[in-house]
Each structure stands twice: as C-alpha cells, then as structure tokens.
Amino acid sequence: MDASISSVTLIGAGNVAWHLGGRLRACGLPVTQVFSRSEQHARALALHVQAQAIDQLEHLSESKDQLFIIAVSDNAIAEIAAHSSKFLSKGAFVVHTSGATPSSVLAPFFPSSGVFYPLQTFSKNSALTFDGLPICVYSPDKKRESSLFDLAMLLSANARRTTDKERARLHLAAIFVNNFCNYLYHIADDLLKEKELPFELLLPLMEGTLAKLKNSRPIDVQTGPARRGDTQTIRTHLEALEQTDYRMLYELLSHQIMKLYGHKL
C-alpha cells in the first residue's frame, strides 16, 4: 500500500464506520480515533478496532500521513467537515463515504479531500465480506487519489476511480437494485404471509436470477408474463391483488416490461 496513508481516524460510528473500521484493522492499518456524538457508540466501535474513543471533535489528534474518514449521514457531512476544520490543519487529508454527495462539499474546509465510497449496504449486526466489494475513490489531487486507490485495493482488490458524476449515477442505479428490489421483496413476503407461506420458498428463484446476471445483461434474462405478453395471466394477478398500491405497482411494472419488449397491455 502507498505509504502516504499510515493511519486512519473514523469520524462517525454507524454501520459504514463499523465495517470499514473492522476491515482496516484486519488489514493491518491502525485506526487511531473514533468520533461519535454518542459516547456509547464511540466507545463500542473504538473497542472493536482498538482505538481511542472521543465524543468531541476538539479532541481530534493529527499525525503525519493520516486519513480522516467522515462516515456519517449525507446531510451531516458539511456540518461535520466545517466543525472539524476548526481543530485540524489545512493540510489534513479528509474524505467522506457517501455515494450521492459530491466531493466538493469538503473543499471549502480541506483542500486535500476526496471520497472513499464502498458500494454495499451495511448493517452492523450482519456479517459482510469485503472480497470483491467495489470501492470507488476520488480526489482532485491525483497523488491523494492514488493513495486512496491503494488503500481500497488493500481492503477489497476491487477499487475504481470514479468522478462525482459517475459515482452519483452508480449510487442512483444501486437504489434500484437494492432499496427498490428489497421493497418488492417485502411485497412478496406480505403476499405469502396472507396464505401462511414462508418467504424462503422464493430464495432459490432470487439466487437463480442473480446467478444469471453474472454473465448476462438484465434485458437478456427477463422472464415472466409481461415479457411474454401474457395479458390473461396479468389480468388474473391484478384481480388477485387486493391492496391498491400493490395492484398499481404491478400494473406499472408490467406495462414498462411489455413496452420494452414490444407488447401491449
């Protein structure tokens, strides 16, 4: 790894910081401090990564070749950066972990700044492997960006340099494949629960779809009544959907799929 990053301070102690801190420590890069407004959260993560816990930004310490990672909610990044800048030097290297927030939000406070964005959904109590996990990095300073790239490769071996616009589009696409799909899983679970059927019955189907997508584009593996133009089955399903919201969503998605393949509902 590039020697320009010798240690890390985590500003934030939520899900992203928890997994990122654990991976940093496992890879041999020291985490020196963990900040959270909640002393309890700071202490929990600090214990996890063998770091010092702080609940006041004024207690931030700075050493040569240190990276400060702001891992907080998007709407808090600018506030945290502004406050941190009162206690760190102008030369401090500071990044955030957001997919949707531009790197420029840090620029007014830290000339040496950038983004270190792991593309994954994080839950503190769920196991996570970094093997193959994409990490997108960016800094307007190309030497700094190189050090971020090397750090990302240390953690996952799947690093990628992305501009703010590229990362924002990637984050938007991730909403569709993760958040929206998970809501559809919720609908499926709800429909099955009405008939006392377990959601686990659908897992092989879901896993089979993901397996196909490793070697094919989504448009090439689409199946189902809308793909076939099977309007009779679609009408039967619409009649069976008692909840208006579910029915509207089913009809909208079916219409979009049929239009894509040249069918009419």
C-alpha atoms as a PDB file:
ATOM      1  CA  MET A   1       0.000   0.000   0.000  1.00  0.00           C
ATOM      2  CA  ASP A   2       1.120   3.576  -0.622  1.00  0.00           C
ATOM      3  CA  ALA A   3       2.967   4.756   2.474  1.00  0.00           C
ATOM      4  CA  SER A   4       1.215   8.132   2.286  1.00  0.00           C
ATOM      5  CA  ILE A   5      -1.584   6.752   4.474  1.00  0.00           C
ATOM      6  CA  SER A   6      -0.219   5.401   7.742  1.00  0.00           C
ATOM      7  CA  SER A   7      -3.293   5.581   9.984  1.00  0.00           C
ATOM      8  CA  VAL A   8      -6.998   6.394   9.921  1.00  0.00           C
ATOM      9  CA  THR A   9      -9.418   8.316  12.112  1.00  0.00           C
ATOM     10  CA  LEU A  10     -13.089   7.421  11.770  1.00  0.00           C
ATOM     11  CA  ILE A  11     -15.482  10.339  12.180  1.00  0.00           C
ATOM     12  CA  GLY A  12     -18.766   8.535  12.707  1.00  0.00           C
ATOM     13  CA  ALA A  13     -19.597   5.234  14.382  1.00  0.00           C
ATOM     14  CA  GLY A  14     -22.543   3.925  12.385  1.00  0.00           C
ATOM     15  CA  ASN A  15     -22.867   0.910  10.102  1.00  0.00           C
ATOM     16  CA  VAL A  16     -20.360   2.015   7.460  1.00  0.00           C
ATOM     17  CA  ALA A  17     -17.736   3.039  10.012  1.00  0.00           C
ATOM     18  CA  TRP A  18     -18.199  -0.206  11.937  1.00  0.00           C
ATOM     19  CA  HIS A  19     -17.487  -2.467   8.949  1.00  0.00           C
ATOM     20  CA  LEU A  20     -14.844  -0.195   7.458  1.00  0.00           C
ATOM     21  CA  GLY A  21     -13.022   0.077  10.770  1.00  0.00           C
ATOM     22  CA  GLY A  22     -13.054  -3.670  11.262  1.00  0.00           C
ATOM     23  CA  ARG A  23     -11.662  -4.242   7.792  1.00  0.00           C
ATOM     24  CA  LEU A  24      -8.940  -1.609   8.244  1.00  0.00           C
ATOM     25  CA  ARG A  25      -7.771  -3.230  11.444  1.00  0.00           C
ATOM     26  CA  ALA A  26      -7.894  -6.709   9.897  1.00  0.00           C
ATOM     27  CA  CYS A  27      -5.681  -5.447   7.070  1.00  0.00           C
ATOM     28  CA  GLY A  28      -3.138  -4.019   9.500  1.00  0.00           C
ATOM     29  CA  LEU A  29      -3.863  -0.304   9.142  1.00  0.00           C
ATOM     30  CA  PRO A  30      -4.221   1.361  12.560  1.00  0.00           C
ATOM     31  CA  VAL A  31      -7.405   3.207  13.443  1.00  0.00           C
ATOM     32  CA  THR A  32      -6.243   5.796  15.959  1.00  0.00           C
ATOM     33  CA  GLN A  33      -9.501   7.510  16.950  1.00  0.00           C
ATOM     34  CA  VAL A  34     -13.252   7.035  16.598  1.00  0.00           C
ATOM     35  CA  PHE A  35     -15.568  10.014  16.936  1.00  0.00           C
ATOM     36  CA  SER A  36     -19.299   9.925  17.591  1.00  0.00           C
ATOM     37  CA  ARG A  37     -21.587  12.412  19.285  1.00  0.00           C
ATOM     38  CA  SER A  38     -22.753   9.389  21.263  1.00  0.00           C
ATOM     39  CA  GLU A  39     -20.041   8.416  23.735  1.00  0.00           C
ATOM     40  CA  GLN A  40     -21.520   4.915  23.909  1.00  0.00           C
ATOM     41  CA  HIS A  41     -21.297   4.427  20.138  1.00  0.00           C
ATOM     42  CA  ALA A  42     -17.786   5.833  20.003  1.00  0.00           C
ATOM     43  CA  ARG A  43     -16.634   3.505  22.772  1.00  0.00           C
ATOM     44  CA  ALA A  44     -18.230   0.440  21.161  1.00  0.00           C
ATOM     45  CA  LEU A  45     -16.521   0.957  17.821  1.00  0.00           C
ATOM     46  CA  ALA A  46     -13.251   2.053  19.430  1.00  0.00           C
ATOM     47  CA  LEU A  47     -13.192  -1.190  21.397  1.00  0.00           C
ATOM     48  CA  HIS A  48     -13.901  -3.096  18.170  1.00  0.00           C
ATOM     49  CA  VAL A  49     -10.918  -1.533  16.370  1.00  0.00           C
ATOM     50  CA  GLN A  50      -8.624  -0.880  19.360  1.00  0.00           C
ATOM     51  CA  ALA A  51      -8.759   2.915  19.022  1.00  0.00           C
ATOM     52  CA  GLN A  52      -9.347   5.926  21.239  1.00  0.00           C
ATOM     53  CA  ALA A  53     -12.998   6.958  21.595  1.00  0.00           C
ATOM     54  CA  ILE A  54     -13.891  10.664  21.506  1.00  0.00           C
ATOM     55  CA  ASP A  55     -17.242  12.446  21.552  1.00  0.00           C
ATOM     56  CA  GLN A  56     -15.907  15.958  20.941  1.00  0.00           C
ATOM     57  CA  LEU A  57     -14.287  16.962  17.633  1.00  0.00           C
ATOM     58  CA  GLU A  58     -11.952  19.277  19.519  1.00  0.00           C
ATOM     59  CA  HIS A  59     -10.210  16.132  20.780  1.00  0.00           C
ATOM     60  CA  LEU A  60      -9.187  15.068  17.269  1.00  0.00           C
ATOM     61  CA  SER A  61      -5.472  14.392  17.042  1.00  0.00           C
ATOM     62  CA  GLU A  62      -3.488  14.649  13.835  1.00  0.00           C
ATOM     63  CA  SER A  63      -0.308  12.945  12.724  1.00  0.00           C
ATOM     64  CA  LYS A  64       1.662  12.723   9.534  1.00  0.00           C
ATOM     65  CA  ASP A  65       0.130  10.716   6.674  1.00  0.00           C
ATOM     66  CA  GLN A  66      -3.183  10.282   8.487  1.00  0.00           C
ATOM     67  CA  LEU A  67      -6.526   9.870   6.718  1.00  0.00           C
ATOM     68  CA  PHE A  68      -9.734  11.206   8.250  1.00  0.00           C
ATOM     69  CA  ILE A  69     -12.841   9.342   7.046  1.00  0.00           C
ATOM     70  CA  ILE A  70     -16.186  11.075   7.599  1.00  0.00           C
ATOM     71  CA  ALA A  71     -18.742   8.256   7.685  1.00  0.00           C
ATOM     72  CA  VAL A  72     -21.975   9.994   8.685  1.00  0.00           C
ATOM     73  CA  SER A  73     -25.372  10.616   7.090  1.00  0.00           C
ATOM     74  CA  ASP A  74     -25.251  12.702   3.918  1.00  0.00           C
ATOM     75  CA  ASN A  75     -26.966  15.729   5.426  1.00  0.00           C
ATOM     76  CA  ALA A  76     -24.397  15.886   8.238  1.00  0.00           C
ATOM     77  CA  ILE A  77     -21.208  15.768   6.150  1.00  0.00           C
ATOM     78  CA  ALA A  78     -20.819  19.518   5.567  1.00  0.00           C
ATOM     79  CA  GLU A  79     -21.557  20.342   9.207  1.00  0.00           C
ATOM     80  CA  ILE A  80     -19.040  17.790  10.477  1.00  0.00           C
ATOM     81  CA  ALA A  81     -16.425  18.982   7.992  1.00  0.00           C
ATOM     82  CA  ALA A  82     -16.912  22.617   8.973  1.00  0.00           C
ATOM     83  CA  HIS A  83     -16.626  21.821  12.665  1.00  0.00           C
ATOM     84  CA  SER A  84     -13.635  19.508  12.200  1.00  0.00           C
ATOM     85  CA  SER A  85     -11.767  22.168  10.241  1.00  0.00           C
ATOM     86  CA  LYS A  86     -11.534  24.242  13.426  1.00  0.00           C
ATOM     87  CA  PHE A  87      -9.328  21.587  15.022  1.00  0.00           C
ATOM     88  CA  LEU A  88      -7.399  20.120  12.074  1.00  0.00           C
ATOM     89  CA  SER A  89      -4.718  21.704   9.913  1.00  0.00           C
ATOM     90  CA  LYS A  90      -5.478  22.944   6.405  1.00  0.00           C
ATOM     91  CA  GLY A  91      -3.298  20.115   5.120  1.00  0.00           C
ATOM     92  CA  ALA A  92      -5.372  17.362   6.731  1.00  0.00           C
ATOM     93  CA  PHE A  93      -6.493  14.678   4.283  1.00  0.00           C
ATOM     94  CA  VAL A  94     -10.260  14.237   4.731  1.00  0.00           C
ATOM     95  CA  VAL A  95     -12.694  12.090   2.753  1.00  0.00           C
ATOM     96  CA  HIS A  96     -16.341  11.102   3.062  1.00  0.00           C
ATOM     97  CA  THR A  97     -18.023   7.783   2.254  1.00  0.00           C
ATOM     98  CA  SER A  98     -21.198   8.994   0.525  1.00  0.00           C
ATOM     99  CA  GLY A  99     -22.250   7.873  -2.930  1.00  0.00           C
ATOM    100  CA  ALA A 100     -24.658  10.749  -3.555  1.00  0.00           C
ATOM    101  CA  THR A 101     -22.724  13.679  -2.051  1.00  0.00           C
ATOM    102  CA  PRO A 102     -20.142  15.419  -4.267  1.00  0.00           C
ATOM    103  CA  SER A 103     -16.555  15.673  -3.129  1.00  0.00           C
ATOM    104  CA  SER A 104     -16.795  19.458  -3.406  1.00  0.00           C
ATOM    105  CA  VAL A 105     -18.723  19.605  -0.125  1.00  0.00           C
ATOM    106  CA  LEU A 106     -15.368  19.155   1.657  1.00  0.00           C
ATOM    107  CA  ALA A 107     -13.319  21.539  -0.476  1.00  0.00           C
ATOM    108  CA  PRO A 108     -14.160  24.773   1.403  1.00  0.00           C
ATOM    109  CA  PHE A 109     -12.748  23.276   4.577  1.00  0.00           C
ATOM    110  CA  PHE A 110      -9.995  20.922   3.410  1.00  0.00           C
ATOM    111  CA  PRO A 111      -8.005  21.471   0.207  1.00  0.00           C
ATOM    112  CA  SER A 112      -6.807  17.856   0.493  1.00  0.00           C
ATOM    113  CA  SER A 113     -10.075  15.960   0.321  1.00  0.00           C
ATOM    114  CA  GLY A 114     -11.910  13.294  -1.605  1.00  0.00           C
ATOM    115  CA  VAL A 115     -14.301  10.360  -1.498  1.00  0.00           C
ATOM    116  CA  PHE A 116     -13.900   6.763  -0.328  1.00  0.00           C
ATOM    117  CA  TYR A 117     -17.214   5.085  -1.222  1.00  0.00           C
ATOM    118  CA  PRO A 118     -17.754   1.356  -0.548  1.00  0.00           C
ATOM    119  CA  LEU A 119     -20.640   0.228  -2.758  1.00  0.00           C
ATOM    120  CA  GLN A 120     -22.563  -2.010  -0.372  1.00  0.00           C
ATOM    121  CA  THR A 121     -25.458  -1.955   2.049  1.00  0.00           C
ATOM    122  CA  PHE A 122     -24.188  -2.067   5.624  1.00  0.00           C
ATOM    123  CA  SER A 123     -25.844  -3.410   8.762  1.00  0.00           C
ATOM    124  CA  LYS A 124     -23.830  -3.518  11.957  1.00  0.00           C
ATOM    125  CA  ASN A 125     -25.126  -6.916  13.048  1.00  0.00           C
ATOM    126  CA  SER A 126     -24.852  -8.604   9.634  1.00  0.00           C
ATOM    127  CA  ALA A 127     -21.671 -10.332   8.525  1.00  0.00           C
ATOM    128  CA  LEU A 128     -20.015  -8.756   5.496  1.00  0.00           C
ATOM    129  CA  THR A 129     -17.150  -9.809   3.286  1.00  0.00           C
ATOM    130  CA  PHE A 130     -15.006  -7.237   1.523  1.00  0.00           C
ATOM    131  CA  ASP A 131     -13.878  -9.773  -1.087  1.00  0.00           C
ATOM    132  CA  GLY A 132     -14.786  -8.227  -4.429  1.00  0.00           C
ATOM    133  CA  LEU A 133     -16.648  -5.329  -2.825  1.00  0.00           C
ATOM    134  CA  PRO A 134     -16.357  -2.283  -5.129  1.00  0.00           C
ATOM    135  CA  ILE A 135     -14.765   0.774  -3.528  1.00  0.00           C
ATOM    136  CA  CYS A 136     -14.956   3.991  -5.522  1.00  0.00           C
ATOM    137  CA  VAL A 137     -12.338   6.649  -4.849  1.00  0.00           C
ATOM    138  CA  TYR A 138     -11.836  10.211  -5.981  1.00  0.00           C
ATOM    139  CA  SER A 139      -9.717  13.222  -5.162  1.00  0.00           C
ATOM    140  CA  PRO A 140      -8.910  16.261  -7.299  1.00  0.00           C
ATOM    141  CA  ASP A 141      -5.337  15.782  -6.089  1.00  0.00           C
ATOM    142  CA  LYS A 142      -4.130  12.803  -8.147  1.00  0.00           C
ATOM    143  CA  LYS A 143      -1.399  11.865  -5.657  1.00  0.00           C
ATOM    144  CA  ARG A 144      -4.024  11.730  -2.935  1.00  0.00           C
ATOM    145  CA  GLU A 145      -6.304   9.765  -5.219  1.00  0.00           C
ATOM    146  CA  SER A 146      -3.536   7.235  -5.811  1.00  0.00           C
ATOM    147  CA  SER A 147      -3.156   6.718  -2.073  1.00  0.00           C
ATOM    148  CA  LEU A 148      -6.924   6.204  -1.759  1.00  0.00           C
ATOM    149  CA  PHE A 149      -6.829   3.729  -4.618  1.00  0.00           C
ATOM    150  CA  ASP A 150      -4.050   1.761  -2.941  1.00  0.00           C
ATOM    151  CA  LEU A 151      -5.989   1.733   0.320  1.00  0.00           C
ATOM    152  CA  ALA A 152      -9.109   0.486  -1.456  1.00  0.00           C
ATOM    153  CA  MET A 153      -7.111  -2.279  -3.135  1.00  0.00           C
ATOM    154  CA  LEU A 154      -5.771  -3.303   0.261  1.00  0.00           C
ATOM    155  CA  LEU A 155      -9.307  -3.694   1.585  1.00  0.00           C
ATOM    156  CA  SER A 156     -11.063  -5.380  -1.329  1.00  0.00           C
ATOM    157  CA  ALA A 157      -8.939  -5.663  -4.503  1.00  0.00           C
ATOM    158  CA  ASN A 158     -11.824  -4.077  -6.426  1.00  0.00           C
ATOM    159  CA  ALA A 159     -11.008  -0.377  -6.436  1.00  0.00           C
ATOM    160  CA  ARG A 160     -12.241   2.039  -9.065  1.00  0.00           C
ATOM    161  CA  ARG A 161     -11.570   5.699  -9.725  1.00  0.00           C
ATOM    162  CA  THR A 162     -14.873   7.495 -10.324  1.00  0.00           C
ATOM    163  CA  THR A 163     -15.764  11.129 -10.800  1.00  0.00           C
ATOM    164  CA  ASP A 164     -18.525  12.742  -8.758  1.00  0.00           C
ATOM    165  CA  LYS A 165     -20.954  12.390 -11.691  1.00  0.00           C
ATOM    166  CA  GLU A 166     -20.061   8.744 -12.250  1.00  0.00           C
ATOM    167  CA  ARG A 167     -20.408   7.927  -8.560  1.00  0.00           C
ATOM    168  CA  ALA A 168     -23.777   9.722  -8.342  1.00  0.00           C
ATOM    169  CA  ARG A 169     -25.081   7.672 -11.267  1.00  0.00           C
ATOM    170  CA  LEU A 170     -23.752   4.486  -9.677  1.00  0.00           C
ATOM    171  CA  HIS A 171     -25.498   5.368  -6.433  1.00  0.00           C
ATOM    172  CA  LEU A 172     -28.760   6.023  -8.311  1.00  0.00           C
ATOM    173  CA  ALA A 173     -28.514   2.641 -10.032  1.00  0.00           C
ATOM    174  CA  ALA A 174     -27.805   0.999  -6.667  1.00  0.00           C
ATOM    175  CA  ILE A 175     -31.103   2.349  -5.321  1.00  0.00           C
ATOM    176  CA  PHE A 176     -32.942   0.379  -7.995  1.00  0.00           C
ATOM    177  CA  VAL A 177     -31.140  -2.929  -7.483  1.00  0.00           C
ATOM    178  CA  ASN A 178     -31.031  -2.740  -3.694  1.00  0.00           C
ATOM    179  CA  ASN A 179     -33.573  -0.478  -1.997  1.00  0.00           C
ATOM    180  CA  PHE A 180     -36.362  -0.808  -4.556  1.00  0.00           C
ATOM    181  CA  CYS A 181     -35.830  -4.534  -5.013  1.00  0.00           C
ATOM    182  CA  ASN A 182     -35.900  -5.017  -1.259  1.00  0.00           C
ATOM    183  CA  TYR A 183     -39.263  -3.237  -1.139  1.00  0.00           C
ATOM    184  CA  LEU A 184     -40.533  -5.651  -3.794  1.00  0.00           C
ATOM    185  CA  TYR A 185     -39.265  -8.492  -1.603  1.00  0.00           C
ATOM    186  CA  HIS A 186     -41.353  -7.005   1.203  1.00  0.00           C
ATOM    187  CA  ILE A 187     -44.451  -7.089  -1.021  1.00  0.00           C
ATOM    188  CA  ALA A 188     -43.771 -10.709  -1.911  1.00  0.00           C
ATOM    189  CA  ASP A 189     -43.320 -11.552   1.774  1.00  0.00           C
ATOM    190  CA  ASP A 190     -46.584  -9.795   2.604  1.00  0.00           C
ATOM    191  CA  LEU A 191     -48.477 -11.671  -0.116  1.00  0.00           C
ATOM    192  CA  LEU A 192     -47.120 -15.014   1.060  1.00  0.00           C
ATOM    193  CA  LYS A 193     -47.830 -14.256   4.704  1.00  0.00           C
ATOM    194  CA  GLU A 194     -51.528 -13.879   3.896  1.00  0.00           C
ATOM    195  CA  LYS A 195     -51.534 -17.563   2.887  1.00  0.00           C
ATOM    196  CA  GLU A 196     -49.112 -18.624   5.632  1.00  0.00           C
ATOM    197  CA  LEU A 197     -46.393 -19.457   3.129  1.00  0.00           C
ATOM    198  CA  PRO A 198     -42.692 -18.919   4.010  1.00  0.00           C
ATOM    199  CA  PHE A 199     -40.659 -16.304   2.143  1.00  0.00           C
ATOM    200  CA  GLU A 200     -37.805 -18.832   1.976  1.00  0.00           C
ATOM    201  CA  LEU A 201     -39.638 -20.569  -0.875  1.00  0.00           C
ATOM    202  CA  LEU A 202     -38.583 -17.678  -3.119  1.00  0.00           C
ATOM    203  CA  LEU A 203     -34.886 -17.690  -2.233  1.00  0.00           C
ATOM    204  CA  PRO A 204     -33.787 -20.240  -4.894  1.00  0.00           C
ATOM    205  CA  LEU A 205     -35.594 -18.186  -7.535  1.00  0.00           C
ATOM    206  CA  MET A 206     -33.901 -14.976  -6.374  1.00  0.00           C
ATOM    207  CA  GLU A 207     -30.494 -16.644  -6.248  1.00  0.00           C
ATOM    208  CA  GLY A 208     -31.038 -18.119  -9.728  1.00  0.00           C
ATOM    209  CA  THR A 209     -31.763 -14.681 -11.158  1.00  0.00           C
ATOM    210  CA  LEU A 210     -28.609 -13.219  -9.614  1.00  0.00           C
ATOM    211  CA  ALA A 211     -26.558 -16.139 -10.952  1.00  0.00           C
ATOM    212  CA  LYS A 212     -27.773 -15.407 -14.499  1.00  0.00           C
ATOM    213  CA  LEU A 213     -26.798 -11.753 -14.179  1.00  0.00           C
ATOM    214  CA  LYS A 214     -23.154 -12.645 -13.578  1.00  0.00           C
ATOM    215  CA  ASN A 215     -22.829 -13.481 -17.273  1.00  0.00           C
ATOM    216  CA  SER A 216     -25.758 -11.686 -18.934  1.00  0.00           C
ATOM    217  CA  ARG A 217     -27.389  -8.285 -19.178  1.00  0.00           C
ATOM    218  CA  PRO A 218     -30.733  -7.909 -17.374  1.00  0.00           C
ATOM    219  CA  ILE A 219     -32.633  -7.296 -20.610  1.00  0.00           C
ATOM    220  CA  ASP A 220     -31.461 -10.675 -21.931  1.00  0.00           C
ATOM    221  CA  VAL A 221     -32.701 -12.757 -18.980  1.00  0.00           C
ATOM    222  CA  GLN A 222     -36.085 -11.147 -18.310  1.00  0.00           C
ATOM    223  CA  THR A 223     -38.861 -13.720 -17.907  1.00  0.00           C
ATOM    224  CA  GLY A 224     -42.492 -13.726 -16.749  1.00  0.00           C
ATOM    225  CA  PRO A 225     -45.936 -12.943 -18.157  1.00  0.00           C
ATOM    226  CA  ALA A 226     -45.123  -9.348 -19.098  1.00  0.00           C
ATOM    227  CA  ARG A 227     -42.027 -10.478 -21.015  1.00  0.00           C
ATOM    228  CA  ARG A 228     -44.177 -12.998 -22.923  1.00  0.00           C
ATOM    229  CA  GLY A 229     -47.075 -10.600 -23.450  1.00  0.00           C
ATOM    230  CA  ASP A 230     -49.350 -12.928 -21.457  1.00  0.00           C
ATOM    231  CA  THR A 231     -52.166 -10.467 -20.763  1.00  0.00           C
ATOM    232  CA  GLN A 232     -54.515 -13.133 -19.382  1.00  0.00           C
ATOM    233  CA  THR A 233     -52.135 -14.042 -16.551  1.00  0.00           C
ATOM    234  CA  ILE A 234     -51.509 -10.373 -15.854  1.00  0.00           C
ATOM    235  CA  ARG A 235     -55.255  -9.695 -15.531  1.00  0.00           C
ATOM    236  CA  THR A 236     -55.611 -12.686 -13.204  1.00  0.00           C
ATOM    237  CA  HIS A 237     -52.827 -11.343 -10.998  1.00  0.00           C
ATOM    238  CA  LEU A 238     -54.317  -7.842 -10.953  1.00  0.00           C
ATOM    239  CA  GLU A 239     -57.668  -9.235  -9.829  1.00  0.00           C
ATOM    240  CA  ALA A 240     -55.941 -11.187  -7.046  1.00  0.00           C
ATOM    241  CA  LEU A 241     -54.164  -8.115  -5.666  1.00  0.00           C
ATOM    242  CA  GLU A 242     -56.448  -6.641  -3.038  1.00  0.00           C
ATOM    243  CA  GLN A 243     -54.183  -3.779  -1.988  1.00  0.00           C
ATOM    244  CA  THR A 244     -54.484  -0.849  -4.366  1.00  0.00           C
ATOM    245  CA  ASP A 245     -50.826   0.172  -4.023  1.00  0.00           C
ATOM    246  CA  TYR A 246     -49.616  -3.319  -4.908  1.00  0.00           C
ATOM    247  CA  ARG A 247     -52.002  -3.509  -7.862  1.00  0.00           C
ATOM    248  CA  MET A 248     -50.873  -0.137  -9.211  1.00  0.00           C
ATOM    249  CA  LEU A 249     -47.224  -1.117  -8.882  1.00  0.00           C
ATOM    250  CA  TYR A 250     -47.783  -4.482 -10.577  1.00  0.00           C
ATOM    251  CA  GLU A 251     -49.590  -2.799 -13.453  1.00  0.00           C
ATOM    252  CA  LEU A 252     -46.938  -0.105 -13.860  1.00  0.00           C
ATOM    253  CA  LEU A 253     -44.040  -2.568 -13.896  1.00  0.00           C
ATOM    254  CA  SER A 254     -45.872  -4.933 -16.244  1.00  0.00           C
ATOM    255  CA  HIS A 255     -46.607  -2.060 -18.608  1.00  0.00           C
ATOM    256  CA  GLN A 256     -42.952  -0.985 -18.639  1.00  0.00           C
ATOM    257  CA  ILE A 257     -41.700  -4.525 -19.294  1.00  0.00           C
ATOM    258  CA  MET A 258     -44.241  -5.113 -22.060  1.00  0.00           C
ATOM    259  CA  LYS A 259     -43.337  -1.817 -23.721  1.00  0.00           C
ATOM    260  CA  LEU A 260     -39.658  -2.767 -23.577  1.00  0.00           C
ATOM    261  CA  TYR A 261     -40.350  -5.982 -25.491  1.00  0.00           C
ATOM    262  CA  GLY A 262     -42.953  -4.591 -27.887  1.00  0.00           C
ATOM    263  CA  HIS A 263     -46.147  -5.896 -26.228  1.00  0.00           C
ATOM    264  CA  LYS A 264     -49.307  -4.038 -25.298  1.00  0.00           C
ATOM    265  CA  LEU A 265     -51.221  -4.473 -22.052  1.00  0.00           C
END
